[in-house]
Every structure is written in structure tokens, then in C-alpha cells.
Amino acid sequence: MRRPEHKPEGGLKMLDERGKLFGKLNIIDALVILLLVGLVAAVGYRFTASGMTRTADARVRYTLMIEGVRDFTLEYYQIGLRCHDERKHEYIGDIVGVRSEPFIIPLPLSDGTVVMSERPGLLRIFVDIEADARETASSILINGVYDLKVGSKVKLNTKFIDVEGVISAAEMIY
């Protein structure tokens, strides 16, 4: 003898006999959509709540030291030029100051002593750059994404120069 099936009294069922949610959407599709919405929300939170946005709240001035530059190229280091890091393809600020000094290197002599010797025709150049920045708990970010660290190498690129230098100093300007 067959038992009578129990059918709910009126109303809308959550899952129908084909596994569709409210008779329209498959339960697996609904879970995938819910997962994607959660992922988008998590990424949005990561880039806004943690300070990793592209908005700046201050300015930074940092110095890039470039060694062994030919003296006749000094004129190409001009105040106002926009700078980019060629490796990371990021804007890193504008040149606000340039100074130079003779390029001096240690020179070992045949008796084992070392003397400091000036290399004629070569300079050590210090390029001061300013940019909008955001200071987080662990770093200074230019343009919201470029991590500025003293001691790191930069492949400086402007419309006139393409050289490698080292960040020798950095300070926030509020």
C-alpha cells in the first residue's frame, strides 16, 4: 500500500523537485553568485579600508642618488620634469631640485693602501623628487601603489634621461 505524499499547504516552496531555488535558479548557481559577490566585497574592502587607495593625503620629497654620470649630461636633469620608474611603469613624481658633486671612488694602490680618487668627467648627482603620497603603517605609497623605500633602486625615466639610481633619503611633507 502506498503512503500518500505530504504536500505543503499553499505558499512558495524554496526548492522545487528539480532543485531550483524558488523555481527559478539552480542552488549551485546561487552559491556561485553568492561566492562571487563575497569575493568582490573582500577585494573592495582590501583596497579601501587598508589605505591602499590611489588617493593621497600628503606629499613626499625623496632624493635619488645617481653615480657615474657624465658631467655634460647634467643639463638634462631639469626641474619640473615628470619622472617614471621604467621597471614598474609607475609615475613617481616631479623633479624639484638637482645638485651634483665630483664622483669620488676608492682606488687601491700597489702597496695595499686605498686612497679616494676623483674620476674626471664624472659626477654623483642628487635628484630631489616630490610626489603625492599616502603613509601607511608599513610604507609610503606614491600614487597609491608605488612603495617608496630608502635604499631601493629606481630606473628613472623622463623625456630626457633614462638612468638607474638609489633612493638615499625620503621625508613626508604635510
Protein backbone atom coordinates (compact mmCIF):
# COMPACT_ATOMS: atom_id res chain seq x y z
CA MET A 1 0.00 0.00 0.00
CA ARG A 2 1.31 3.41 -0.91
CA ARG A 3 1.54 6.15 1.58
CA PRO A 4 0.11 9.43 0.50
CA GLU A 5 2.69 12.11 -0.26
CA HIS A 6 2.79 15.04 2.05
CA LYS A 7 2.50 18.31 0.15
CA PRO A 8 2.95 21.65 1.84
CA GLU A 9 -0.15 23.69 2.22
CA GLY A 10 -0.07 26.66 -0.23
CA GLY A 11 2.79 29.21 -0.26
CA LEU A 12 6.02 29.18 -2.21
CA LYS A 13 8.47 26.32 -1.80
CA MET A 14 12.15 27.17 -1.51
CA LEU A 15 13.37 24.22 -3.60
CA ASP A 16 11.23 22.54 -6.20
CA GLU A 17 11.51 18.94 -7.37
CA ARG A 18 14.17 19.89 -9.96
CA GLY A 19 16.45 21.52 -7.35
CA LYS A 20 15.70 25.06 -8.43
CA LEU A 21 15.65 27.82 -5.85
CA PHE A 22 12.18 29.43 -5.79
CA GLY A 23 11.50 27.57 -9.02
CA LYS A 24 13.88 29.82 -10.99
CA LEU A 25 17.54 29.39 -10.01
CA ASN A 26 19.64 26.28 -9.50
CA ILE A 27 21.08 26.03 -5.96
CA ILE A 28 24.66 25.60 -7.29
CA ASP A 29 24.32 28.72 -9.45
CA ALA A 30 23.05 30.65 -6.43
CA LEU A 31 26.06 29.54 -4.37
CA VAL A 32 28.48 30.57 -7.13
CA ILE A 33 26.84 34.01 -7.39
CA LEU A 34 27.00 34.40 -3.60
CA LEU A 35 30.71 33.44 -3.63
CA LEU A 36 31.47 35.97 -6.38
CA VAL A 37 29.65 38.75 -4.53
CA GLY A 38 31.64 37.92 -1.39
CA LEU A 39 34.91 37.93 -3.32
CA VAL A 40 34.18 41.34 -4.89
CA ALA A 41 33.28 42.72 -1.44
CA ALA A 42 36.52 41.35 0.07
CA VAL A 43 38.67 42.87 -2.69
CA GLY A 44 36.86 46.19 -2.32
CA TYR A 45 37.47 46.15 1.42
CA ARG A 46 41.14 45.29 0.95
CA PHE A 47 41.81 48.26 -1.30
CA THR A 48 39.80 50.85 0.60
CA ALA A 49 39.86 50.01 4.29
CA SER A 50 43.60 49.27 4.45
CA GLY A 51 44.78 52.58 2.97
CA MET A 52 45.80 51.03 -0.36
CA THR A 53 43.76 53.50 -2.37
CA ARG A 54 45.15 55.82 -5.01
CA THR A 55 44.19 58.92 -3.04
CA ALA A 56 46.98 60.83 -1.38
CA ASP A 57 46.81 62.70 1.89
CA ALA A 58 50.29 64.28 1.90
CA ARG A 59 53.39 64.94 -0.17
CA VAL A 60 56.71 63.17 -0.03
CA ARG A 61 60.11 64.52 -1.02
CA TYR A 62 62.82 62.00 -1.68
CA THR A 63 66.32 62.06 -3.10
CA LEU A 64 67.60 59.78 -5.82
CA MET A 65 71.40 59.40 -5.95
CA ILE A 66 72.85 58.62 -9.37
CA GLU A 67 76.56 57.83 -9.61
CA GLY A 68 78.99 58.00 -12.51
CA VAL A 69 77.02 60.48 -14.62
CA ARG A 70 78.95 62.25 -17.36
CA ASP A 71 79.29 65.92 -16.49
CA PHE A 72 77.96 67.19 -19.83
CA THR A 73 74.62 65.41 -19.26
CA LEU A 74 73.85 67.41 -16.09
CA GLU A 75 71.79 69.87 -18.15
CA TYR A 76 69.20 67.13 -18.86
CA TYR A 77 68.25 66.87 -15.19
CA GLN A 78 65.71 69.70 -15.26
CA ILE A 79 63.38 70.94 -12.53
CA GLY A 80 59.75 70.25 -13.38
CA LEU A 81 60.26 67.07 -15.39
CA ARG A 82 57.79 64.24 -14.70
CA CYS A 83 59.50 61.05 -13.55
CA HIS A 84 58.56 57.41 -14.03
CA ASP A 85 60.07 54.16 -12.82
CA GLU A 86 60.81 52.36 -16.06
CA ARG A 87 60.73 48.88 -14.44
CA LYS A 88 57.34 49.24 -12.76
CA HIS A 89 55.83 51.69 -15.27
CA GLU A 90 54.63 53.98 -12.48
CA TYR A 91 54.62 57.76 -12.15
CA ILE A 92 56.92 58.62 -9.23
CA GLY A 93 56.82 62.43 -9.05
CA ASP A 94 58.35 65.61 -10.44
CA ILE A 95 61.95 66.86 -10.16
CA VAL A 96 62.13 69.81 -7.72
CA GLY A 97 65.89 70.06 -7.24
CA VAL A 98 69.22 68.88 -8.67
CA ARG A 99 72.70 69.09 -7.17
CA SER A 100 75.97 67.42 -8.05
CA GLU A 101 79.38 66.67 -6.63
CA PRO A 102 82.54 65.11 -8.02
CA PHE A 103 82.39 61.34 -8.38
CA ILE A 104 84.94 60.00 -5.90
CA ILE A 105 85.78 56.32 -5.64
CA PRO A 106 88.24 54.26 -3.57
CA LEU A 107 91.37 53.44 -5.55
CA PRO A 108 93.65 50.65 -4.28
CA LEU A 109 97.37 51.28 -4.68
CA SER A 110 100.09 48.71 -5.31
CA ASP A 111 101.30 48.92 -1.69
CA GLY A 112 97.84 47.80 -0.43
CA THR A 113 96.62 51.19 0.70
CA VAL A 114 93.44 52.75 -0.60
CA VAL A 115 93.02 56.39 -1.50
CA MET A 116 89.91 58.27 -2.54
CA SER A 117 90.23 59.41 -6.13
CA GLU A 118 88.10 61.78 -8.18
CA ARG A 119 87.03 60.43 -11.57
CA PRO A 120 87.43 63.28 -14.08
CA GLY A 121 84.38 63.96 -16.23
CA LEU A 122 82.03 62.04 -13.93
CA LEU A 123 79.59 63.28 -11.29
CA ARG A 124 77.43 61.99 -8.47
CA ILE A 125 74.02 63.63 -8.94
CA PHE A 126 71.28 64.03 -6.33
CA VAL A 127 67.81 64.49 -7.80
CA ASP A 128 65.09 65.70 -5.41
CA ILE A 129 61.64 64.47 -6.40
CA GLU A 130 58.24 65.35 -4.93
CA ALA A 131 55.02 63.39 -5.31
CA ASP A 132 51.61 62.96 -3.74
CA ALA A 133 51.77 60.13 -1.27
CA ARG A 134 49.96 58.20 1.41
CA GLU A 135 51.68 56.99 4.53
CA THR A 136 50.53 53.63 5.88
CA ALA A 137 51.70 51.78 8.96
CA SER A 138 54.43 49.99 7.00
CA SER A 139 55.29 52.16 3.99
CA ILE A 140 54.97 55.32 1.95
CA LEU A 141 52.95 54.87 -1.22
CA ILE A 142 53.32 57.15 -4.23
CA ASN A 143 50.28 57.24 -6.48
CA GLY A 144 48.65 54.82 -4.04
CA VAL A 145 50.67 51.84 -5.24
CA TYR A 146 54.38 52.60 -5.67
CA ASP A 147 56.21 51.56 -2.48
CA LEU A 148 58.96 54.08 -1.66
CA LYS A 149 61.88 52.62 0.30
CA VAL A 150 65.24 54.19 1.11
CA GLY A 151 67.98 52.03 -0.38
CA SER A 152 65.86 50.65 -3.21
CA LYS A 153 66.91 51.01 -6.84
CA VAL A 154 64.87 53.08 -9.27
CA LYS A 155 65.15 53.06 -13.06
CA LEU A 156 64.46 56.79 -13.51
CA ASN A 157 62.91 57.80 -16.81
CA THR A 158 61.99 61.29 -18.03
CA LYS A 159 61.73 62.65 -21.54
CA PHE A 160 65.49 63.38 -21.47
CA ILE A 161 67.09 60.80 -19.16
CA ASP A 162 66.99 57.08 -18.53
CA VAL A 163 69.29 56.12 -15.64
CA GLU A 164 69.39 53.92 -12.56
CA GLY A 165 69.73 55.41 -9.10
CA VAL A 166 69.24 54.61 -5.43
CA ILE A 167 66.79 56.34 -3.10
CA SER A 168 69.07 57.91 -0.49
CA ALA A 169 66.55 59.86 1.63
CA ALA A 170 62.80 60.38 1.99
CA GLU A 171 60.60 62.60 4.13
CA MET A 172 56.89 63.30 4.34
CA ILE A 173 55.84 66.91 3.70
CA TYR A 174 52.42 67.58 5.19
